[in-house]
Amino acid sequence: MNFLRRRLSDSSFIANLPNGYMTDLQRPEPQQPPPAAVSAAAAPAPAQQPPPAAPSPSPAPERRPSTQSASVGSSFFSSISNAVKQTAAAASAGLVEQTSAATGQAKKFKQLLVIDEQHVDWAKCFRGKKVHGEFDIRVEQAEFSEINLVAHADGTFAVDMQVLRNNVKVVRSFRPDFVLIRQHSYSMAENEDYRNLIIGMQYAGIPSVNSLESIYNFCDKPWVFAQLVSTYKALGPEKFPLIEQTFYPDHREMLTMPTFPVVVKIGHAHGGMGKVKVENHYDFQDIVSVVALTQTYATTEPFIDSKYDIRIQKIGSNYKAYMRTSISGNWKTNTGSAMLEQIAMSDKYKLWVDTCSEMFGGLDVCAVKAVHGKDGKDYIIEVMDCTMPVLGEHQVEDRQLIADLVVTRMNQTLSKTPVPSPLRPSTTQQPQGGALKESELSKIPTQRPPPQGGPVQPQEMQSQSQELLQTQSGLSSSGPPAQDHLKQPAVSKPQKPPKPPAPTTTQPRSQGQPSSGAGTLPQPVPQQKPQLNKSQSLTNAFGFGDSSFFRSSVNEDENKAETIRNLRKSFASLFSD
């Protein structure tokens, strides 16, 4: 009964019960009319009968409670037995179901995480597309602020996502096979820095478009401009006309007066933010005080009186060039009203974007921004990565091109054979009751037969089996002593005080072998380290396969079946009394 109380109080046992089981146990049995009510109901009919007939119906109500208790006990016993069977089966098959579920999901689809704002539905762009022609693509879309992840050094990781869908909070945890990043991971405008998530994805080894290394390098625009300076030095100003720029690590270095007017860019900002046009040195000093409050770097560029802006984008092998002209008269063409039109793709533009696409190991999606001045010259001012916005009338086409590029990269980086999710050590089932597997039995040091070739006694066989169990437990609990144990001689430990053998049974020793005493056994010839496969031959030689020791190395299911049988016996003895 104590075992039953502990078993029923276990939370895991209650959780594994079938649906509605506890409800069935708590459901009251059909109420039988009590004996008093039966006698009272029967009293008006035989009211005029003689008194001796009244005691006759009394034995029937007295037998009903015993029958009812027996039926309740048998039903309760059968319910408990079925629950224990289901619990044992679920516990034994839990690991198999988890592994099969992980491999089964990996065979059906590939998980794609798209980091972008919710106004664009990327699931429609990937609808109907497959990886290697057989794996569907399941799209999970979220912003940087809605995800988090944990990555381990062994390659396991998990991404947690909390998003709002129709005012309903959706919480999910999954392992993406690929990532498409369409949002800035670092923005000073909203004081949001998600570079830690980029580091976590790189730590987990998740492939992406663009590469996570390039995305991390694009988190600082002066760092990207330094790469443009290297390209400018390699190609020259005629092929790669880069605008002149000055970098200040902080406000204290902003002492030299540049040529006015200039454009001051504060920190790492996007969409025209953090950019100020300065006409004279008085305004420049005011901007220096603003930079001091931001505690970040700043750059200055000469102001170009432009006619229009030029944008050349590259998505895989697709090229487009756009011209944007300000209508509102603002010197920032991306602020206010502007007119956008597509222009012809020239060899000069193609050289610019192809050269910039080789930065940081290669950019699958990138764009080059330039300014065409009223002096008729072009000036390259910036390079954008995969976070570039799509413009014009071809936004749907550009998103479809990005989706096709992602599918191509998934076919190149993801393997056809799905790799099952690595399981944690806590989910593996350990053998109980000293049960050993065949692979573990092969690692047990071998026991040499008696040197005289005599028959092995049953008690000695049982003691050797116990020593093998102790040896195996010692090997699993401590590491270094296991190597010392393997280096010991073949005869591990004297079992009992040896009996002095008869002089006639001693084997003749070869020349050069040291003589042994009269009451001691002759020492065996020293051998090398015991081979691991000798235990199997020793098992066949001495018939260990039929012994109770090797029959004890059974599966855990048999132990659970024995537990169920004991429960049945205990319940049978309880309800039979």
Protein backbone atom coordinates (compact mmCIF):
# COMPACT_ATOMS: atom_id res chain seq x y z
CA MET A 1 0.00 0.00 0.00
CA ASN A 2 2.90 2.36 0.68
CA PHE A 3 4.14 1.74 -2.84
CA LEU A 4 0.65 2.49 -4.18
CA ARG A 5 0.46 5.74 -2.21
CA ARG A 6 3.86 6.87 -3.49
CA ARG A 7 2.92 5.88 -7.04
CA LEU A 8 -0.40 7.72 -7.04
CA SER A 9 1.15 10.83 -5.45
CA ASP A 10 3.77 11.06 -8.21
CA SER A 11 2.98 13.98 -10.56
CA SER A 12 4.48 12.27 -13.61
CA PHE A 13 2.26 9.23 -13.01
CA ILE A 14 -0.88 11.37 -12.89
CA ALA A 15 0.23 13.33 -16.00
CA ASN A 16 0.62 10.13 -18.02
CA LEU A 17 -2.86 8.83 -17.16
CA PRO A 18 -5.27 8.62 -20.12
CA ASN A 19 -7.72 11.43 -20.74
CA GLY A 20 -10.71 11.26 -18.48
CA TYR A 21 -9.24 8.55 -16.25
CA MET A 22 -9.39 10.48 -12.98
CA THR A 23 -12.86 11.66 -13.98
CA ASP A 24 -13.96 8.05 -14.34
CA LEU A 25 -12.54 7.19 -10.92
CA GLN A 26 -14.25 10.14 -9.27
CA ARG A 27 -17.59 9.50 -11.01
CA PRO A 28 -20.02 8.11 -8.44
CA GLU A 29 -21.48 4.66 -8.96
CA PRO A 30 -25.21 4.35 -9.66
CA GLN A 31 -26.83 4.75 -6.31
CA GLN A 32 -28.63 1.71 -5.08
CA PRO A 33 -31.67 2.22 -2.90
CA PRO A 34 -30.65 1.80 0.73
CA PRO A 35 -32.08 -1.13 2.67
CA ALA A 36 -34.24 1.16 4.78
CA ALA A 37 -35.76 2.77 1.69
CA VAL A 38 -36.44 -0.61 0.11
CA SER A 39 -38.15 -1.87 3.21
CA ALA A 40 -40.07 1.41 3.54
CA ALA A 41 -41.22 1.24 -0.09
CA ALA A 42 -42.23 -2.34 0.28
CA ALA A 43 -44.02 -1.73 3.55
CA PRO A 44 -47.35 -0.33 2.19
CA ALA A 45 -47.99 -3.29 -0.11
CA PRO A 46 -47.66 -6.07 2.44
CA ALA A 47 -49.21 -3.99 5.20
CA GLN A 48 -51.83 -6.62 6.04
CA GLN A 49 -49.50 -9.60 5.73
CA PRO A 50 -48.59 -11.52 8.85
CA PRO A 51 -45.43 -10.46 10.72
CA PRO A 52 -43.39 -13.63 9.99
CA ALA A 53 -43.15 -12.64 6.29
CA ALA A 54 -41.29 -9.38 7.07
CA PRO A 55 -37.80 -10.87 7.80
CA SER A 56 -37.75 -12.75 4.50
CA PRO A 57 -36.57 -9.83 2.22
CA SER A 58 -33.85 -8.74 4.68
CA PRO A 59 -31.07 -11.08 3.38
CA ALA A 60 -31.27 -9.55 -0.13
CA PRO A 61 -30.36 -5.98 0.86
CA GLU A 62 -27.55 -7.32 3.05
CA ARG A 63 -25.94 -9.14 0.10
CA ARG A 64 -26.12 -6.11 -2.22
CA PRO A 65 -23.35 -4.05 -0.58
CA SER A 66 -20.92 -6.99 -0.80
CA THR A 67 -21.71 -7.48 -4.50
CA GLN A 68 -21.42 -3.76 -5.13
CA SER A 69 -18.08 -3.53 -3.29
CA ALA A 70 -16.76 -6.47 -5.26
CA SER A 71 -17.75 -4.87 -8.57
CA VAL A 72 -16.28 -1.53 -7.52
CA GLY A 73 -13.09 -3.21 -6.40
CA SER A 74 -12.74 -5.20 -9.60
CA SER A 75 -13.39 -2.14 -11.77
CA PHE A 76 -10.95 -0.05 -9.75
CA PHE A 77 -8.35 -2.81 -9.96
CA SER A 78 -8.76 -3.15 -13.74
CA SER A 79 -8.57 0.63 -14.17
CA ILE A 80 -5.38 0.84 -12.12
CA SER A 81 -3.88 -2.09 -14.04
CA ASN A 82 -4.67 -0.47 -17.40
CA ALA A 83 -3.27 2.86 -16.23
CA VAL A 84 -0.04 1.24 -15.06
CA LYS A 85 0.26 -0.62 -18.37
CA GLN A 86 -0.25 2.56 -20.34
CA THR A 87 2.21 4.44 -18.14
CA ALA A 88 4.86 1.77 -18.55
CA ALA A 89 4.33 1.64 -22.30
CA ALA A 90 4.50 5.42 -22.57
CA ALA A 91 7.66 5.57 -20.49
CA SER A 92 9.37 2.86 -22.50
CA ALA A 93 8.33 4.33 -25.84
CA GLY A 94 8.83 8.00 -24.93
CA LEU A 95 12.40 8.14 -26.18
CA VAL A 96 11.51 6.37 -29.40
CA GLU A 97 8.55 8.64 -30.04
CA GLN A 98 10.66 11.74 -29.40
CA THR A 99 13.37 10.61 -31.79
CA SER A 100 10.89 9.53 -34.45
CA ALA A 101 8.99 12.81 -34.12
CA ALA A 102 12.18 14.81 -34.53
CA THR A 103 13.30 12.86 -37.56
CA GLY A 104 9.79 12.79 -39.01
CA GLN A 105 9.47 16.56 -38.83
CA ALA A 106 12.90 16.99 -40.37
CA LYS A 107 11.87 14.80 -43.29
CA LYS A 108 8.72 16.76 -44.06
CA PHE A 109 9.85 20.39 -44.18
CA LYS A 110 12.62 22.90 -43.62
CA GLN A 111 12.19 25.73 -41.17
CA LEU A 112 12.85 29.27 -42.44
CA LEU A 113 13.01 32.25 -40.09
CA VAL A 114 12.35 35.62 -41.74
CA ILE A 115 13.23 38.66 -39.63
CA ASP A 116 11.17 41.53 -41.02
CA GLU A 117 8.28 43.79 -40.17
CA GLN A 118 4.78 42.41 -40.26
CA HIS A 119 3.48 44.55 -43.12
CA VAL A 120 5.16 42.14 -45.57
CA ASP A 121 3.87 38.55 -45.65
CA TRP A 122 6.86 36.45 -46.66
CA ALA A 123 4.90 33.20 -46.38
CA LYS A 124 3.17 34.05 -49.66
CA CYS A 125 6.53 34.50 -51.39
CA PHE A 126 7.64 30.98 -50.41
CA ARG A 127 4.34 29.26 -51.05
CA GLY A 128 4.77 26.20 -53.27
CA LYS A 129 8.57 26.25 -53.13
CA LYS A 130 10.54 23.19 -52.04
CA VAL A 131 14.07 22.40 -50.96
CA HIS A 132 15.73 19.61 -52.97
CA GLY A 133 12.35 19.10 -54.61
CA GLU A 134 10.91 17.23 -51.61
CA PHE A 135 11.03 19.41 -48.49
CA ASP A 136 8.38 22.06 -47.96
CA ILE A 137 9.39 25.42 -46.51
CA ARG A 138 7.71 26.47 -43.30
CA VAL A 139 8.08 30.22 -42.76
CA GLU A 140 8.19 31.82 -39.31
CA GLN A 141 8.25 35.62 -39.49
CA ALA A 142 9.08 37.94 -36.61
CA GLU A 143 11.02 41.06 -35.74
CA PHE A 144 14.22 41.21 -33.74
CA SER A 145 12.31 42.49 -30.73
CA GLU A 146 10.07 39.42 -30.78
CA ILE A 147 12.69 36.66 -30.77
CA ASN A 148 15.39 35.33 -28.52
CA LEU A 149 17.65 32.32 -28.72
CA VAL A 150 19.95 30.02 -26.78
CA ALA A 151 22.91 28.30 -28.47
CA HIS A 152 25.20 25.61 -27.08
CA ALA A 153 28.73 24.70 -28.04
CA ASP A 154 27.66 21.22 -29.20
CA GLY A 155 25.59 22.76 -32.01
CA THR A 156 22.17 22.63 -30.36
CA PHE A 157 20.11 25.79 -30.22
CA ALA A 158 16.52 26.97 -29.90
CA VAL A 159 14.79 30.16 -31.01
CA ASP A 160 11.94 31.51 -28.88
CA MET A 161 9.38 33.71 -30.59
CA GLN A 162 6.63 35.83 -29.03
CA VAL A 163 4.49 37.64 -31.58
CA LEU A 164 1.04 39.20 -31.70
CA ARG A 165 -1.34 37.76 -34.28
CA ASN A 166 -4.77 39.43 -34.36
CA ASN A 167 -4.28 40.69 -30.81
CA VAL A 168 -3.39 37.16 -29.69
CA LYS A 169 0.03 36.48 -28.23
CA VAL A 170 1.67 33.50 -29.92
CA VAL A 171 4.64 31.84 -28.21
CA ARG A 172 6.70 29.29 -30.10
CA SER A 173 10.05 27.58 -29.79
CA PHE A 174 11.68 26.03 -32.85
CA ARG A 175 14.99 25.40 -34.61
CA PRO A 176 15.26 27.22 -37.95
CA ASP A 177 17.30 25.66 -40.72
CA PHE A 178 17.83 28.98 -42.50
CA VAL A 179 17.44 32.69 -41.74
CA LEU A 180 16.52 35.62 -43.98
CA ILE A 181 17.27 38.98 -42.36
CA ARG A 182 15.43 41.99 -43.75
CA GLN A 183 15.62 44.23 -40.69
CA HIS A 184 18.47 46.33 -39.30
CA SER A 185 20.05 44.55 -36.37
CA TYR A 186 21.47 47.81 -34.98
CA SER A 187 19.66 51.12 -35.06
CA MET A 188 20.54 54.19 -33.03
CA ALA A 189 17.25 55.92 -33.89
CA GLU A 190 15.18 53.65 -31.66
CA ASN A 191 18.03 52.74 -29.35
CA GLU A 192 17.72 49.09 -30.31
CA ASP A 193 20.78 46.91 -30.54
CA TYR A 194 20.24 43.28 -31.58
CA ARG A 195 23.80 42.39 -32.39
CA ASN A 196 23.68 39.83 -29.61
CA LEU A 197 21.14 37.85 -31.63
CA ILE A 198 23.43 37.95 -34.67
CA ILE A 199 26.22 36.60 -32.49
CA GLY A 200 23.93 33.85 -31.19
CA MET A 201 22.95 32.80 -34.73
CA GLN A 202 26.59 32.72 -35.74
CA TYR A 203 27.35 30.71 -32.60
CA ALA A 204 24.65 28.22 -33.56
CA GLY A 205 25.92 28.03 -37.16
CA ILE A 206 22.64 28.92 -38.85
CA PRO A 207 23.08 29.74 -42.58
CA SER A 208 21.50 32.98 -43.72
CA VAL A 209 21.09 35.56 -46.49
CA ASN A 210 23.22 37.59 -46.35
CA SER A 211 25.90 35.88 -44.32
CA LEU A 212 25.82 36.62 -40.60
CA GLU A 213 29.42 37.82 -40.77
CA SER A 214 28.55 40.48 -43.32
CA ILE A 215 25.43 41.53 -41.40
CA TYR A 216 27.49 42.04 -38.27
CA ASN A 217 30.05 44.09 -40.22
CA PHE A 218 27.27 46.32 -41.57
CA CYS A 219 26.31 47.38 -38.04
CA ASP A 220 28.68 50.38 -38.32
CA LYS A 221 28.62 52.52 -41.43
CA PRO A 222 32.16 53.88 -41.02
CA TRP A 223 33.39 50.27 -40.96
CA VAL A 224 31.66 49.66 -44.29
CA PHE A 225 33.00 52.92 -45.70
CA ALA A 226 36.51 51.78 -44.80
CA GLN A 227 36.00 48.85 -47.17
CA LEU A 228 34.90 51.28 -49.87
CA VAL A 229 38.10 53.23 -49.34
CA SER A 230 40.09 50.05 -50.04
CA THR A 231 38.13 49.52 -53.27
CA TYR A 232 38.65 53.15 -54.21
CA LYS A 233 42.41 52.76 -53.83
CA ALA A 234 42.37 49.58 -55.92
CA LEU A 235 40.20 50.83 -58.82
CA GLY A 236 40.95 54.53 -58.83
CA PRO A 237 38.67 57.60 -58.80
CA GLU A 238 37.61 57.21 -62.41
CA LYS A 239 36.15 53.71 -62.08
CA PHE A 240 35.02 54.05 -58.47
CA PRO A 241 34.25 57.70 -57.62
CA LEU A 242 33.98 57.65 -53.83
CA ILE A 243 32.98 60.73 -51.91
CA GLU A 244 35.49 62.26 -49.50
CA GLN A 245 34.72 61.60 -45.86
CA THR A 246 36.25 62.42 -42.47
CA PHE A 247 35.79 60.21 -39.40
CA TYR A 248 35.70 61.48 -35.80
CA PRO A 249 35.70 58.86 -33.02
CA ASP A 250 34.05 61.31 -30.59
CA HIS A 251 33.16 64.99 -30.22
CA ARG A 252 36.50 65.97 -28.68
CA GLU A 253 38.25 65.41 -32.01
CA MET A 254 35.89 67.64 -33.96
CA LEU A 255 38.18 70.67 -33.87
CA THR A 256 39.34 71.03 -37.44
CA MET A 257 37.08 73.11 -39.59
CA PRO A 258 36.08 71.36 -42.81
CA THR A 259 35.14 73.10 -46.02
CA PHE A 260 31.60 74.34 -45.78
CA PRO A 261 28.87 73.44 -46.43
CA VAL A 262 29.22 69.92 -45.04
CA VAL A 263 26.92 67.07 -44.09
CA VAL A 264 27.41 65.69 -40.58
CA LYS A 265 26.30 62.09 -39.99
CA ILE A 266 25.98 61.17 -36.34
CA GLY A 267 26.50 57.54 -35.43
CA HIS A 268 24.83 54.62 -37.20
CA ALA A 269 21.43 55.83 -38.40
CA HIS A 270 19.16 54.96 -41.32
CA GLY A 271 16.54 56.64 -43.47
CA GLY A 272 17.99 60.14 -43.40
CA MET A 273 18.09 60.30 -39.60
CA GLY A 274 21.12 61.71 -37.85
CA LYS A 275 22.18 63.71 -40.93
CA VAL A 276 22.52 67.49 -40.65
CA LYS A 277 23.58 70.04 -43.24
CA VAL A 278 25.97 72.63 -41.74
CA GLU A 279 26.52 75.93 -43.51
CA ASN A 280 29.22 77.54 -41.35
CA HIS A 281 31.54 76.93 -38.41
CA TYR A 282 29.01 78.34 -35.88
CA ASP A 283 26.49 75.68 -36.77
CA PHE A 284 29.28 73.15 -36.74
CA GLN A 285 30.09 73.94 -33.10
CA ASP A 286 26.43 73.47 -32.21
CA ILE A 287 26.45 70.06 -33.85
CA VAL A 288 29.58 69.15 -31.92
CA SER A 289 27.67 69.74 -28.68
CA VAL A 290 24.90 67.46 -29.91
CA VAL A 291 27.42 64.74 -30.77
CA ALA A 292 28.78 65.06 -27.22
CA LEU A 293 25.37 64.08 -25.87
CA THR A 294 25.10 61.01 -28.10
CA GLN A 295 28.52 59.69 -27.00
CA THR A 296 29.21 58.14 -30.37
CA TYR A 297 31.29 58.72 -33.48
CA ALA A 298 30.49 61.08 -36.35
CA THR A 299 31.52 61.63 -39.97
CA THR A 300 31.55 64.66 -42.25
CA GLU A 301 31.17 64.81 -46.03
CA PRO A 302 31.21 67.76 -48.42
CA PHE A 303 27.73 68.77 -49.47
CA ILE A 304 26.98 67.87 -53.10
CA ASP A 305 24.42 69.99 -54.87
CA SER A 306 22.75 67.06 -56.63
CA LYS A 307 20.32 66.74 -59.48
CA TYR A 308 19.17 63.24 -58.50
CA ASP A 309 20.16 60.16 -56.56
CA ILE A 310 21.18 56.86 -58.11
CA ARG A 311 20.53 53.47 -56.63
CA ILE A 312 21.89 50.26 -58.15
CA GLN A 313 20.65 47.03 -56.55
CA LYS A 314 21.71 43.44 -57.04
CA ILE A 315 19.63 40.43 -55.98
CA GLY A 316 21.48 37.29 -56.91
CA SER A 317 22.10 37.74 -60.64
CA ASN A 318 19.37 40.35 -61.16
CA TYR A 319 20.33 44.02 -61.57
CA LYS A 320 18.18 47.15 -61.43
CA ALA A 321 19.02 50.86 -61.44
CA TYR A 322 16.75 53.65 -60.21
CA MET A 323 16.87 57.43 -60.33
CA ARG A 324 15.20 59.45 -57.56
CA THR A 325 14.55 63.18 -57.87
CA SER A 326 13.27 65.33 -55.01
CA ILE A 327 10.02 67.19 -55.67
CA SER A 328 9.67 68.97 -52.32
CA GLY A 329 13.03 70.71 -52.71
CA ASN A 330 14.66 69.00 -49.72
CA TRP A 331 18.35 68.27 -50.08
CA LYS A 332 17.57 64.75 -48.75
CA THR A 333 15.91 62.92 -51.60
CA ASN A 334 14.68 60.20 -49.21
CA THR A 335 12.80 62.82 -47.16
CA GLY A 336 9.61 64.38 -48.39
CA SER A 337 8.22 63.86 -51.87
CA ALA A 338 10.39 62.37 -54.59
CA MET A 339 9.93 60.92 -58.04
CA LEU A 340 11.34 57.45 -58.70
CA GLU A 341 11.95 55.94 -62.10
CA GLN A 342 13.93 53.00 -63.39
CA ILE A 343 16.90 53.73 -65.67
CA ALA A 344 19.07 51.63 -67.90
CA MET A 345 21.77 49.46 -66.35
CA SER A 346 25.17 50.61 -67.63
CA ASP A 347 28.52 48.89 -67.37
CA LYS A 348 29.70 51.55 -64.94
CA TYR A 349 26.85 50.86 -62.55
CA LYS A 350 27.34 47.11 -62.89
CA LEU A 351 31.02 47.48 -61.99
CA TRP A 352 30.12 49.41 -58.87
CA VAL A 353 27.63 46.93 -57.52
CA ASP A 354 29.68 43.85 -58.51
CA THR A 355 32.72 45.24 -56.74
CA CYS A 356 30.74 46.06 -53.61
CA SER A 357 29.07 42.62 -53.60
CA GLU A 358 32.48 41.06 -52.92
CA MET A 359 32.78 42.76 -49.53
CA PHE A 360 32.93 40.68 -46.33
CA GLY A 361 33.04 37.35 -48.10
CA GLY A 362 30.25 38.09 -50.59
CA LEU A 363 26.86 39.79 -50.51
CA ASP A 364 23.91 38.01 -52.13
CA VAL A 365 21.71 41.09 -51.81
CA CYS A 366 23.17 44.61 -51.85
CA ALA A 367 22.68 48.11 -53.26
CA VAL A 368 24.96 51.06 -54.02
CA LYS A 369 23.78 54.62 -53.42
CA ALA A 370 25.34 57.50 -55.36
CA VAL A 371 24.65 61.16 -56.01
CA HIS A 372 24.76 62.80 -59.41
CA GLY A 373 25.79 66.40 -58.89
CA LYS A 374 25.00 69.45 -60.96
CA ASP A 375 28.64 69.44 -62.02
CA GLY A 376 27.91 66.23 -64.00
CA LYS A 377 29.93 63.93 -61.71
CA ASP A 378 28.83 60.88 -59.74
CA TYR A 379 29.75 60.31 -56.09
CA ILE A 380 29.33 56.98 -54.32
CA ILE A 381 28.17 57.65 -50.77
CA GLU A 382 26.92 54.38 -49.28
CA VAL A 383 26.44 50.60 -49.67
CA MET A 384 23.43 48.74 -48.24
CA ASP A 385 23.15 45.02 -47.54
CA CYS A 386 20.14 42.65 -47.51
CA THR A 387 18.19 45.07 -45.30
CA MET A 388 17.75 47.45 -48.24
CA PRO A 389 14.12 48.42 -48.93
CA VAL A 390 12.55 47.50 -52.25
CA LEU A 391 11.35 50.45 -54.29
CA GLY A 392 9.12 51.32 -57.20
CA GLU A 393 6.63 49.27 -59.09
CA HIS A 394 8.71 46.10 -58.90
CA GLN A 395 8.45 45.46 -55.16
CA VAL A 396 6.58 42.17 -55.58
CA GLU A 397 9.06 41.05 -58.21
CA ASP A 398 12.03 41.96 -56.03
CA ARG A 399 10.63 40.04 -53.07
CA GLN A 400 10.08 37.04 -55.32
CA LEU A 401 13.68 37.29 -56.49
CA ILE A 402 14.84 37.32 -52.86
CA ALA A 403 12.69 34.25 -52.15
CA ASP A 404 14.17 32.40 -55.13
CA LEU A 405 17.66 33.34 -53.96
CA VAL A 406 16.93 31.98 -50.48
CA VAL A 407 15.69 28.68 -51.90
CA THR A 408 18.87 28.41 -53.98
CA ARG A 409 21.04 29.00 -50.93
CA MET A 410 19.03 26.48 -48.93
CA ASN A 411 19.60 23.86 -51.62
CA GLN A 412 23.33 24.58 -51.45
CA THR A 413 23.77 24.67 -47.68
CA LEU A 414 21.21 22.17 -46.37
CA SER A 415 21.78 18.46 -46.84
CA LYS A 416 19.23 16.07 -48.29
CA THR A 417 19.53 13.60 -45.43
CA PRO A 418 17.91 15.18 -42.36
CA VAL A 419 20.01 15.22 -39.21
CA PRO A 420 17.94 14.25 -36.16
CA SER A 421 17.86 16.62 -33.24
CA PRO A 422 20.54 15.72 -30.70
CA LEU A 423 19.02 14.41 -27.50
CA ARG A 424 20.09 15.53 -24.09
CA PRO A 425 21.68 12.95 -21.77
CA SER A 426 18.75 13.29 -19.36
CA THR A 427 16.35 11.73 -21.87
CA THR A 428 18.29 8.50 -22.25
CA GLN A 429 17.10 5.53 -20.21
CA GLN A 430 19.69 4.10 -17.91
CA PRO A 431 19.74 0.36 -17.20
CA GLN A 432 18.30 -0.57 -13.80
CA GLY A 433 19.06 -3.38 -11.47
CA GLY A 434 22.58 -3.83 -12.76
CA ALA A 435 21.44 -4.69 -16.26
CA LEU A 436 24.23 -4.50 -18.82
CA LYS A 437 24.10 -4.08 -22.57
CA GLU A 438 26.08 -6.17 -25.01
CA SER A 439 28.32 -3.22 -25.86
CA GLU A 440 29.07 -2.78 -22.14
CA LEU A 441 29.65 -6.47 -21.62
CA SER A 442 32.37 -6.38 -24.24
CA LYS A 443 34.26 -3.81 -22.15
CA ILE A 444 34.37 -5.97 -18.97
CA PRO A 445 37.83 -7.37 -18.26
CA THR A 446 38.00 -11.07 -18.98
CA GLN A 447 38.33 -13.69 -16.26
CA ARG A 448 40.81 -16.48 -16.92
CA PRO A 449 39.71 -20.08 -16.29
CA PRO A 450 41.31 -22.05 -13.45
CA PRO A 451 44.88 -22.93 -14.33
CA GLN A 452 44.34 -26.61 -13.63
CA GLY A 453 41.41 -26.85 -16.07
CA GLY A 454 39.06 -28.07 -13.35
CA PRO A 455 35.32 -27.50 -13.47
CA VAL A 456 34.01 -24.21 -12.25
CA GLN A 457 31.88 -24.42 -9.14
CA PRO A 458 28.47 -22.72 -9.13
CA GLN A 459 29.37 -20.58 -6.10
CA GLU A 460 32.53 -19.38 -7.79
CA MET A 461 30.53 -18.55 -10.89
CA GLN A 462 28.11 -16.47 -8.82
CA SER A 463 30.94 -14.62 -7.07
CA GLN A 464 32.58 -13.90 -10.43
CA SER A 465 29.27 -12.50 -11.68
CA GLN A 466 29.04 -10.20 -8.68
CA GLU A 467 32.61 -9.04 -9.25
CA LEU A 468 31.77 -8.29 -12.86
CA LEU A 469 28.84 -6.13 -11.71
CA GLN A 470 31.03 -4.29 -9.21
CA THR A 471 33.69 -3.79 -11.86
CA GLN A 472 31.15 -2.35 -14.30
CA SER A 473 29.76 0.05 -11.66
CA GLY A 474 33.31 1.12 -10.81
CA LEU A 475 34.08 1.77 -14.45
CA SER A 476 30.97 3.94 -14.88
CA SER A 477 31.48 5.93 -11.67
CA SER A 478 35.19 6.79 -11.99
CA GLY A 479 37.30 7.34 -15.07
CA PRO A 480 41.05 6.95 -14.35
CA PRO A 481 40.80 3.83 -12.15
CA ALA A 482 39.24 2.02 -15.12
CA GLN A 483 42.55 2.14 -17.00
CA ASP A 484 44.42 0.81 -13.99
CA HIS A 485 41.90 -1.98 -13.73
CA LEU A 486 42.60 -3.08 -17.27
CA LYS A 487 46.32 -3.19 -16.55
CA GLN A 488 45.95 -5.66 -13.67
CA PRO A 489 46.95 -9.29 -14.18
CA ALA A 490 44.42 -11.77 -15.43
CA VAL A 491 43.72 -13.32 -12.01
CA SER A 492 41.96 -10.42 -10.37
CA LYS A 493 41.45 -11.45 -6.75
CA PRO A 494 41.76 -14.65 -4.68
CA GLN A 495 38.31 -16.00 -3.96
CA LYS A 496 39.03 -18.32 -1.00
CA PRO A 497 42.11 -19.71 0.66
CA PRO A 498 43.40 -22.07 -2.05
CA LYS A 499 43.54 -25.73 -1.24
CA PRO A 500 46.95 -27.33 -1.65
CA PRO A 501 46.77 -29.34 -4.84
CA ALA A 502 48.08 -32.83 -5.11
CA PRO A 503 51.67 -33.11 -6.34
CA THR A 504 50.53 -35.17 -9.27
CA THR A 505 48.23 -32.45 -10.64
CA THR A 506 50.89 -29.76 -11.05
CA GLN A 507 51.76 -28.95 -14.63
CA PRO A 508 55.36 -29.23 -15.73
CA ARG A 509 56.93 -25.80 -16.04
CA SER A 510 59.11 -24.81 -18.90
CA GLN A 511 62.76 -23.91 -18.57
CA GLY A 512 63.41 -20.44 -17.29
CA GLN A 513 60.05 -20.22 -15.54
CA PRO A 514 60.33 -19.52 -11.80
CA SER A 515 59.22 -22.35 -9.59
CA SER A 516 56.18 -21.93 -7.39
CA GLY A 517 55.66 -23.03 -3.83
CA ALA A 518 54.07 -26.32 -2.88
CA GLY A 519 50.85 -24.73 -1.70
CA THR A 520 50.44 -22.09 -4.42
CA LEU A 521 49.08 -22.25 -7.91
CA PRO A 522 51.52 -21.90 -10.80
CA GLN A 523 51.58 -18.38 -12.24
CA PRO A 524 50.19 -18.05 -15.77
CA VAL A 525 52.32 -16.83 -18.62
CA PRO A 526 52.18 -13.01 -18.66
CA GLN A 527 50.10 -11.71 -21.54
CA GLN A 528 49.29 -8.36 -23.06
CA LYS A 529 46.23 -6.26 -22.25
CA PRO A 530 43.05 -8.34 -22.44
CA GLN A 531 41.15 -7.94 -25.68
CA LEU A 532 37.65 -6.53 -25.41
CA ASN A 533 36.07 -9.30 -27.49
CA LYS A 534 37.28 -12.12 -25.24
CA SER A 535 34.26 -11.76 -22.99
CA GLN A 536 32.02 -13.09 -25.71
CA SER A 537 34.18 -16.15 -26.28
CA LEU A 538 34.41 -16.65 -22.53
CA THR A 539 30.64 -16.41 -22.34
CA ASN A 540 30.26 -19.16 -24.92
CA ALA A 541 32.88 -21.32 -23.26
CA PHE A 542 31.34 -21.30 -19.80
CA GLY A 543 27.67 -21.06 -20.80
CA PHE A 544 27.03 -17.60 -19.36
CA GLY A 545 24.19 -17.09 -21.81
CA ASP A 546 21.95 -19.48 -19.86
CA SER A 547 22.93 -18.25 -16.39
CA SER A 548 20.77 -16.04 -14.24
CA PHE A 549 23.36 -13.28 -14.36
CA PHE A 550 23.03 -12.72 -18.08
CA ARG A 551 19.29 -13.17 -17.91
CA SER A 552 19.26 -10.22 -15.51
CA SER A 553 20.49 -7.92 -18.27
CA VAL A 554 17.03 -7.58 -19.72
CA ASN A 555 15.17 -4.58 -20.94
CA GLU A 556 13.52 -2.14 -18.61
CA ASP A 557 10.14 -3.20 -19.92
CA GLU A 558 10.46 -6.59 -18.19
CA ASN A 559 11.12 -4.86 -14.86
CA LYS A 560 8.01 -2.77 -15.40
CA ALA A 561 6.03 -5.88 -16.33
CA GLU A 562 7.20 -7.50 -13.08
CA THR A 563 6.04 -4.38 -11.21
CA ILE A 564 2.63 -4.69 -12.84
CA ARG A 565 2.38 -8.34 -11.84
CA ASN A 566 3.24 -7.45 -8.26
CA LEU A 567 0.56 -4.78 -8.32
CA ARG A 568 -1.97 -7.29 -9.58
CA LYS A 569 -1.09 -9.72 -6.81
CA SER A 570 -1.30 -7.02 -4.16
CA PHE A 571 -4.66 -5.78 -5.45
CA ALA A 572 -5.96 -9.31 -5.73
CA SER A 573 -4.99 -10.00 -2.13
CA LEU A 574 -6.54 -6.71 -0.97
CA PHE A 575 -9.90 -7.12 -2.66
CA SER A 576 -10.22 -10.83 -2.07
CA ASP A 577 -10.29 -10.34 1.71
